[in-house]
PDB file of N, CA and C in Angstrom:
ATOM      1  N   MET A   1      54.306  43.282  35.431  1.00  0.00           N
ATOM      2  CA  MET A   1      55.843  42.811  35.837  1.00  0.00           C
ATOM      3  C   MET A   1      55.561  41.073  35.720  1.00  0.00           C
ATOM      4  N   LEU A   2      56.723  40.481  35.035  1.00  0.00           N
ATOM      5  CA  LEU A   2      56.730  39.035  35.220  1.00  0.00           C
ATOM      6  C   LEU A   2      57.674  38.555  36.212  1.00  0.00           C
ATOM      7  N   SER A   3      57.455  37.440  36.727  1.00  0.00           N
ATOM      8  CA  SER A   3      57.977  36.779  37.805  1.00  0.00           C
ATOM      9  C   SER A   3      59.130  36.198  37.534  1.00  0.00           C
ATOM     10  N   ALA A   4      60.049  35.630  38.379  1.00  0.00           N
ATOM     11  CA  ALA A   4      61.433  34.991  37.977  1.00  0.00           C
ATOM     12  C   ALA A   4      60.991  33.868  37.358  1.00  0.00           C
ATOM     13  N   SER A   5      60.017  33.194  37.761  1.00  0.00           N
ATOM     14  CA  SER A   5      59.724  31.990  37.028  1.00  0.00           C
ATOM     15  C   SER A   5      59.871  31.967  35.475  1.00  0.00           C
ATOM     16  N   SER A   6      58.885  33.034  35.179  1.00  0.00           N
ATOM     17  CA  SER A   6      58.606  33.169  33.490  1.00  0.00           C
ATOM     18  C   SER A   6      59.705  34.364  32.851  1.00  0.00           C
ATOM     19  N   GLU A   7      60.765  34.414  33.526  1.00  0.00           N
ATOM     20  CA  GLU A   7      61.719  35.226  32.636  1.00  0.00           C
ATOM     21  C   GLU A   7      62.283  34.453  31.559  1.00  0.00           C
ATOM     22  N   PHE A   8      61.994  33.576  31.197  1.00  0.00           N
ATOM     23  CA  PHE A   8      62.223  32.849  29.825  1.00  0.00           C
ATOM     24  C   PHE A   8      61.845  33.257  28.704  1.00  0.00           C
ATOM     25  N   LEU A   9      60.519  34.026  29.040  1.00  0.00           N
ATOM     26  CA  LEU A   9      59.530  34.964  27.983  1.00  0.00           C
ATOM     27  C   LEU A   9      60.267  36.048  27.361  1.00  0.00           C
ATOM     28  N   LEU A  10      61.498  36.733  28.046  1.00  0.00           N
ATOM     29  CA  LEU A  10      62.135  37.896  27.626  1.00  0.00           C
ATOM     30  C   LEU A  10      63.555  37.398  27.098  1.00  0.00           C
ATOM     31  N   VAL A  11      63.558  36.074  27.218  1.00  0.00           N
ATOM     32  CA  VAL A  11      65.218  35.827  26.248  1.00  0.00           C
ATOM     33  C   VAL A  11      65.050  35.750  24.890  1.00  0.00           C
ATOM     34  N   ARG A  12      65.992  36.353  24.303  1.00  0.00           N
ATOM     35  CA  ARG A  12      66.286  36.459  22.943  1.00  0.00           C
ATOM     36  C   ARG A  12      67.742  35.972  22.291  1.00  0.00           C
ATOM     37  N   PRO A  13      67.676  35.576  21.296  1.00  0.00           N
ATOM     38  CA  PRO A  13      68.853  35.311  20.781  1.00  0.00           C
ATOM     39  C   PRO A  13      70.060  36.332  20.828  1.00  0.00           C
ATOM     40  N   GLY A  14      71.334  35.282  21.418  1.00  0.00           N
ATOM     41  CA  GLY A  14      72.487  36.359  21.905  1.00  0.00           C
ATOM     42  C   GLY A  14      72.635  36.419  23.212  1.00  0.00           C
ATOM     43  N   ASP A  15      71.414  36.340  23.843  1.00  0.00           N
ATOM     44  CA  ASP A  15      71.322  36.235  25.361  1.00  0.00           C
ATOM     45  C   ASP A  15      72.604  35.267  26.069  1.00  0.00           C
ATOM     46  N   TYR A  16      73.136  35.763  27.169  1.00  0.00           N
ATOM     47  CA  TYR A  16      73.928  34.433  28.008  1.00  0.00           C
ATOM     48  C   TYR A  16      72.734  34.167  29.062  1.00  0.00           C
ATOM     49  N   VAL A  17      72.278  32.874  29.387  1.00  0.00           N
ATOM     50  CA  VAL A  17      71.524  32.572  30.406  1.00  0.00           C
ATOM     51  C   VAL A  17      71.935  31.383  31.039  1.00  0.00           C
ATOM     52  N   VAL A  18      71.442  31.320  32.596  1.00  0.00           N
ATOM     53  CA  VAL A  18      71.761  30.242  33.185  1.00  0.00           C
ATOM     54  C   VAL A  18      70.635  29.455  33.354  1.00  0.00           C
ATOM     55  N   ILE A  19      71.093  28.292  32.947  1.00  0.00           N
ATOM     56  CA  ILE A  19      70.089  26.950  32.811  1.00  0.00           C
ATOM     57  C   ILE A  19      70.425  26.036  34.033  1.00  0.00           C
ATOM     58  N   LYS A  20      69.241  25.245  34.653  1.00  0.00           N
ATOM     59  CA  LYS A  20      69.428  24.594  35.600  1.00  0.00           C
ATOM     60  C   LYS A  20      68.812  23.307  34.946  1.00  0.00           C
ATOM     61  N   ASN A  21      69.626  22.316  35.260  1.00  0.00           N
ATOM     62  CA  ASN A  21      69.465  20.944  35.070  1.00  0.00           C
ATOM     63  C   ASN A  21      68.739  20.143  36.619  1.00  0.00           C
ATOM     64  N   HIS A  22      68.007  19.230  36.494  1.00  0.00           N
ATOM     65  CA  HIS A  22      67.332  18.385  37.189  1.00  0.00           C
ATOM     66  C   HIS A  22      68.044  17.285  37.069  1.00  0.00           C
ATOM     67  N   GLU A  23      68.423  16.582  38.539  1.00  0.00           N
ATOM     68  CA  GLU A  23      69.165  15.623  38.789  1.00  0.00           C
ATOM     69  C   GLU A  23      68.427  14.279  39.569  1.00  0.00           C
ATOM     70  N   ASN A  24      68.309  13.382  39.413  1.00  0.00           N
ATOM     71  CA  ASN A  24      67.576  12.264  40.388  1.00  0.00           C
ATOM     72  C   ASN A  24      68.517  11.307  40.521  1.00  0.00           C
ATOM     73  N   TYR A  25      69.591  11.374  41.888  1.00  0.00           N
ATOM     74  CA  TYR A  25      70.254  10.237  42.249  1.00  0.00           C
ATOM     75  C   TYR A  25      69.356   9.527  43.033  1.00  0.00           C
ATOM     76  N   PRO A  26      69.479   8.056  42.566  1.00  0.00           N
ATOM     77  CA  PRO A  26      68.548   7.094  43.154  1.00  0.00           C
ATOM     78  C   PRO A  26      69.040   6.325  44.723  1.00  0.00           C
ATOM     79  N   ASP A  27      69.986   6.591  44.733  1.00  0.00           N
ATOM     80  CA  ASP A  27      71.044   6.686  46.109  1.00  0.00           C
ATOM     81  C   ASP A  27      70.513   7.430  47.019  1.00  0.00           C
ATOM     82  N   THR A  28      70.327   8.473  47.043  1.00  0.00           N
ATOM     83  CA  THR A  28      70.088   9.803  48.185  1.00  0.00           C
ATOM     84  C   THR A  28      68.356   9.868  48.008  1.00  0.00           C
ATOM     85  N   LYS A  29      67.741   9.425  46.723  1.00  0.00           N
ATOM     86  CA  LYS A  29      66.526  10.033  46.854  1.00  0.00           C
ATOM     87  C   LYS A  29      65.903  11.249  46.970  1.00  0.00           C
ATOM     88  N   LYS A  30      66.772  12.278  46.433  1.00  0.00           N
ATOM     89  CA  LYS A  30      67.020  13.600  46.634  1.00  0.00           C
ATOM     90  C   LYS A  30      66.928  14.580  45.386  1.00  0.00           C
ATOM     91  N   LYS A  31      66.469  15.268  44.708  1.00  0.00           N
ATOM     92  CA  LYS A  31      66.920  16.340  43.749  1.00  0.00           C
ATOM     93  C   LYS A  31      68.184  16.648  43.822  1.00  0.00           C
ATOM     94  N   GLN A  32      69.339  17.012  42.831  1.00  0.00           N
ATOM     95  CA  GLN A  32      70.307  17.815  42.804  1.00  0.00           C
ATOM     96  C   GLN A  32      70.005  18.927  41.681  1.00  0.00           C
ATOM     97  N   HIS A  33      70.686  20.014  41.946  1.00  0.00           N
ATOM     98  CA  HIS A  33      70.560  20.864  40.899  1.00  0.00           C
ATOM     99  C   HIS A  33      71.999  21.022  40.423  1.00  0.00           C
ATOM    100  N   ASP A  34      72.308  21.352  39.394  1.00  0.00           N
ATOM    101  CA  ASP A  34      73.408  21.661  38.447  1.00  0.00           C
ATOM    102  C   ASP A  34      73.201  22.376  37.427  1.00  0.00           C
ATOM    103  N   TYR A  35      73.676  23.796  37.692  1.00  0.00           N
ATOM    104  CA  TYR A  35      73.623  24.838  37.049  1.00  0.00           C
ATOM    105  C   TYR A  35      74.707  25.193  35.985  1.00  0.00           C
ATOM    106  N   TRP A  36      74.569  25.762  34.785  1.00  0.00           N
ATOM    107  CA  TRP A  36      75.512  26.084  33.758  1.00  0.00           C
ATOM    108  C   TRP A  36      74.934  27.270  33.058  1.00  0.00           C
ATOM    109  N   ILE A  37      75.809  27.578  32.261  1.00  0.00           N
ATOM    110  CA  ILE A  37      75.479  28.978  31.454  1.00  0.00           C
ATOM    111  C   ILE A  37      75.699  28.478  29.915  1.00  0.00           C
ATOM    112  N   GLY A  38      74.584  29.123  29.100  1.00  0.00           N
ATOM    113  CA  GLY A  38      74.358  28.996  27.647  1.00  0.00           C
ATOM    114  C   GLY A  38      74.371  30.238  27.029  1.00  0.00           C
ATOM    115  N   TYR A  39      74.903  30.411  25.807  1.00  0.00           N
ATOM    116  CA  TYR A  39      74.555  31.414  24.998  1.00  0.00           C
ATOM    117  C   TYR A  39      73.417  31.232  23.737  1.00  0.00           C
ATOM    118  N   VAL A  40      72.343  31.766  23.935  1.00  0.00           N
ATOM    119  CA  VAL A  40      71.354  30.929  23.184  1.00  0.00           C
ATOM    120  C   VAL A  40      71.711  31.913  21.655  1.00  0.00           C
ATOM    121  N   ILE A  41      71.259  30.754  20.877  1.00  0.00           N
ATOM    122  CA  ILE A  41      71.479  30.673  19.287  1.00  0.00           C
ATOM    123  C   ILE A  41      70.125  31.159  18.912  1.00  0.00           C
ATOM    124  N   ASN A  42      69.262  30.244  19.126  1.00  0.00           N
ATOM    125  CA  ASN A  42      67.768  30.467  18.468  1.00  0.00           C
ATOM    126  C   ASN A  42      66.876  30.258  19.119  1.00  0.00           C
ATOM    127  N   CYS A  43      65.841  30.738  19.176  1.00  0.00           N
ATOM    128  CA  CYS A  43      64.629  30.684  19.948  1.00  0.00           C
ATOM    129  C   CYS A  43      63.439  30.065  19.383  1.00  0.00           C
ATOM    130  N   ILE A  44      62.795  28.959  19.569  1.00  0.00           N
ATOM    131  CA  ILE A  44      61.739  28.378  18.666  1.00  0.00           C
ATOM    132  C   ILE A  44      60.650  28.601  19.491  1.00  0.00           C
ATOM    133  N   GLY A  45      59.299  28.855  18.615  1.00  0.00           N
ATOM    134  CA  GLY A  45      58.149  29.245  19.192  1.00  0.00           C
ATOM    135  C   GLY A  45      57.367  27.858  19.070  1.00  0.00           C
ATOM    136  N   GLY A  46      56.196  28.054  19.843  1.00  0.00           N
ATOM    137  CA  GLY A  46      55.171  26.838  19.746  1.00  0.00           C
ATOM    138  C   GLY A  46      54.032  26.667  18.861  1.00  0.00           C
ATOM    139  N   ALA A  47      53.574  25.714  18.513  1.00  0.00           N
ATOM    140  CA  ALA A  47      52.704  25.594  17.627  1.00  0.00           C
ATOM    141  C   ALA A  47      51.640  26.271  17.698  1.00  0.00           C
ATOM    142  N   ARG A  48      51.025  26.687  18.722  1.00  0.00           N
ATOM    143  CA  ARG A  48      49.950  27.745  18.713  1.00  0.00           C
ATOM    144  C   ARG A  48      50.274  29.034  18.752  1.00  0.00           C
ATOM    145  N   ASN A  49      51.062  29.548  19.206  1.00  0.00           N
ATOM    146  CA  ASN A  49      51.932  31.118  19.041  1.00  0.00           C
ATOM    147  C   ASN A  49      53.377  30.836  18.900  1.00  0.00           C
ATOM    148  N   PRO A  50      53.705  30.964  17.711  1.00  0.00           N
ATOM    149  CA  PRO A  50      55.314  31.033  17.374  1.00  0.00           C
ATOM    150  C   PRO A  50      56.197  32.356  17.856  1.00  0.00           C
ATOM    151  N   ASN A  51      55.391  33.130  18.508  1.00  0.00           N
ATOM    152  CA  ASN A  51      56.298  34.276  19.280  1.00  0.00           C
ATOM    153  C   ASN A  51      56.374  33.889  20.995  1.00  0.00           C
ATOM    154  N   SER A  52      55.726  32.780  21.093  1.00  0.00           N
ATOM    155  CA  SER A  52      55.661  31.973  22.501  1.00  0.00           C
ATOM    156  C   SER A  52      57.057  31.189  22.719  1.00  0.00           C
ATOM    157  N   TRP A  53      58.171  31.654  23.164  1.00  0.00           N
ATOM    158  CA  TRP A  53      59.314  30.844  22.919  1.00  0.00           C
ATOM    159  C   TRP A  53      59.236  29.450  24.158  1.00  0.00           C
ATOM    160  N   THR A  54      58.937  28.202  23.240  1.00  0.00           N
ATOM    161  CA  THR A  54      59.063  26.768  24.309  1.00  0.00           C
ATOM    162  C   THR A  54      60.185  26.039  24.162  1.00  0.00           C
ATOM    163  N   LEU A  55      61.453  26.167  23.237  1.00  0.00           N
ATOM    164  CA  LEU A  55      62.459  25.588  23.106  1.00  0.00           C
ATOM    165  C   LEU A  55      63.450  26.397  22.588  1.00  0.00           C
ATOM    166  N   PHE A  56      65.111  26.585  23.279  1.00  0.00           N
ATOM    167  CA  PHE A  56      65.855  27.169  22.945  1.00  0.00           C
ATOM    168  C   PHE A  56      66.979  26.390  22.086  1.00  0.00           C
ATOM    169  N   GLN A  57      67.805  26.808  21.234  1.00  0.00           N
ATOM    170  CA  GLN A  57      69.093  26.190  21.129  1.00  0.00           C
ATOM    171  C   GLN A  57      70.076  26.905  21.637  1.00  0.00           C
ATOM    172  N   VAL A  58      71.097  26.320  22.537  1.00  0.00           N
ATOM    173  CA  VAL A  58      71.815  27.111  23.358  1.00  0.00           C
ATOM    174  C   VAL A  58      73.074  26.389  23.234  1.00  0.00           C
ATOM    175  N   ALA A  59      74.407  27.103  23.250  1.00  0.00           N
ATOM    176  CA  ALA A  59      75.533  26.306  23.068  1.00  0.00           C
ATOM    177  C   ALA A  59      76.071  26.721  24.523  1.00  0.00           C
ATOM    178  N   ASN A  60      76.411  25.526  25.128  1.00  0.00           N
ATOM    179  CA  ASN A  60      77.264  25.754  26.267  1.00  0.00           C
ATOM    180  C   ASN A  60      78.629  26.499  26.351  1.00  0.00           C
ATOM    181  N   ILE A  61      78.905  27.566  27.121  1.00  0.00           N
ATOM    182  CA  ILE A  61      80.076  28.047  26.840  1.00  0.00           C
ATOM    183  C   ILE A  61      81.065  27.422  27.563  1.00  0.00           C
ATOM    184  N   ASP A  62      81.001  26.338  28.435  1.00  0.00           N
ATOM    185  CA  ASP A  62      82.315  25.704  29.319  1.00  0.00           C
ATOM    186  C   ASP A  62      82.668  24.561  27.711  1.00  0.00           C
ATOM    187  N   ASN A  63      81.809  24.283  27.221  1.00  0.00           N
ATOM    188  CA  ASN A  63      82.096  22.941  26.312  1.00  0.00           C
ATOM    189  C   ASN A  63      81.915  22.978  24.997  1.00  0.00           C
ATOM    190  N   GLY A  64      81.149  24.034  24.793  1.00  0.00           N
ATOM    191  CA  GLY A  64      81.003  24.405  23.299  1.00  0.00           C
ATOM    192  C   GLY A  64      79.796  23.203  22.670  1.00  0.00           C
ATOM    193  N   GLU A  65      79.368  22.378  23.274  1.00  0.00           N
ATOM    194  CA  GLU A  65      77.998  21.667  23.090  1.00  0.00           C
ATOM    195  C   GLU A  65      76.849  22.283  22.953  1.00  0.00           C
ATOM    196  N   ILE A  66      76.248  22.247  21.560  1.00  0.00           N
ATOM    197  CA  ILE A  66      74.770  22.662  21.340  1.00  0.00           C
ATOM    198  C   ILE A  66      73.992  22.155  21.302  1.00  0.00           C
ATOM    199  N   VAL A  67      72.901  22.406  22.179  1.00  0.00           N
ATOM    200  CA  VAL A  67      71.896  21.249  22.636  1.00  0.00           C
ATOM    201  C   VAL A  67      70.357  22.404  22.598  1.00  0.00           C
ATOM    202  N   ILE A  68      69.266  21.459  22.544  1.00  0.00           N
ATOM    203  CA  ILE A  68      68.085  22.315  22.188  1.00  0.00           C
ATOM    204  C   ILE A  68      67.534  22.020  24.011  1.00  0.00           C
ATOM    205  N   ILE A  69      67.094  23.169  24.521  1.00  0.00           N
ATOM    206  CA  ILE A  69      66.337  22.718  25.635  1.00  0.00           C
ATOM    207  C   ILE A  69      65.024  23.349  26.035  1.00  0.00           C
ATOM    208  N   ASN A  70      64.264  22.842  26.898  1.00  0.00           N
ATOM    209  CA  ASN A  70      62.586  23.561  27.230  1.00  0.00           C
ATOM    210  C   ASN A  70      63.085  24.717  27.835  1.00  0.00           C
ATOM    211  N   ALA A  71      62.522  25.714  27.534  1.00  0.00           N
ATOM    212  CA  ALA A  71      62.478  27.188  27.934  1.00  0.00           C
ATOM    213  C   ALA A  71      62.086  27.008  29.224  1.00  0.00           C
ATOM    214  N   ASP A  72      61.445  26.448  30.046  1.00  0.00           N
ATOM    215  CA  ASP A  72      61.088  26.536  31.279  1.00  0.00           C
ATOM    216  C   ASP A  72      62.249  26.180  32.416  1.00  0.00           C
ATOM    217  N   ILE A  73      63.284  25.945  31.750  1.00  0.00           N
ATOM    218  CA  ILE A  73      64.663  25.590  32.645  1.00  0.00           C
ATOM    219  C   ILE A  73      65.391  26.671  32.800  1.00  0.00           C
ATOM    220  N   VAL A  74      65.382  27.853  32.202  1.00  0.00           N
ATOM    221  CA  VAL A  74      66.231  29.007  32.047  1.00  0.00           C
ATOM    222  C   VAL A  74      65.695  29.605  33.115  1.00  0.00           C
ATOM    223  N   GLU A  75      66.821  29.900  34.133  1.00  0.00           N
ATOM    224  CA  GLU A  75      66.943  30.497  35.428  1.00  0.00           C
ATOM    225  C   GLU A  75      66.780  32.076  35.619  1.00  0.00           C
ATOM    226  N   LYS A  76      67.459  32.580  34.779  1.00  0.00           N
ATOM    227  CA  LYS A  76      67.829  34.133  34.712  1.00  0.00           C
ATOM    228  C   LYS A  76      68.902  34.159  33.595  1.00  0.00           C
ATOM    229  N   ILE A  77      68.361  35.640  33.051  1.00  0.00           N
ATOM    230  CA  ILE A  77      69.273  36.425  31.792  1.00  0.00           C
ATOM    231  C   ILE A  77      70.473  36.759  32.482  1.00  0.00           C
ATOM    232  N   LEU A  78      71.725  36.605  32.283  1.00  0.00           N
ATOM    233  CA  LEU A  78      72.789  37.272  32.925  1.00  0.00           C
ATOM    234  C   LEU A  78      73.333  38.083  31.965  1.00  0.00           C
ATOM    235  N   LYS A  79      73.254  38.088  30.783  1.00  0.00           N
ATOM    236  CA  LYS A  79      73.437  39.219  29.986  1.00  0.00           C
ATOM    237  C   LYS A  79      72.844  39.618  28.530  1.00  0.00           C
ATOM    238  N   THR A  80      71.907  40.415  28.347  1.00  0.00           N
ATOM    239  CA  THR A  80      71.434  40.439  27.104  1.00  0.00           C
ATOM    240  C   THR A  80      72.285  40.806  25.731  1.00  0.00           C
ATOM    241  N   SER A  81      71.557  40.414  24.536  1.00  0.00           N
ATOM    242  CA  SER A  81      72.287  40.696  23.412  1.00  0.00           C
ATOM    243  C   SER A  81      72.346  42.224  23.180  1.00  0.00           C
ATOM    244  N   GLU A  82      71.729  43.202  23.908  1.00  0.00           N
ATOM    245  CA  GLU A  82      71.640  44.396  24.008  1.00  0.00           C
ATOM    246  C   GLU A  82      72.702  44.928  24.740  1.00  0.00           C
ATOM    247  N   ASP A  83      73.125  44.542  25.979  1.00  0.00           N
ATOM    248  CA  ASP A  83      74.352  45.178  26.794  1.00  0.00           C
ATOM    249  C   ASP A  83      75.519  44.962  26.368  1.00  0.00           C
TER     250      ASP A  83
END
């Protein structure tokens, strides 16, 4: 069984995922969490194991921006491509 922190290993193209951004605010000296929902376009494997995802190409569903993110900032899979 995978832990919640390793759920990104199950992500596939076509999935909708919750992504967590960490923001540091110098005036408050604390981390703020900003969450957004993305649609996974492509999964990019690592150099040692191409089937182990390290990066995702994701479209932000709010503004349409396409970005490449580190796999470990995916918090949760909302809807899989098979649903």
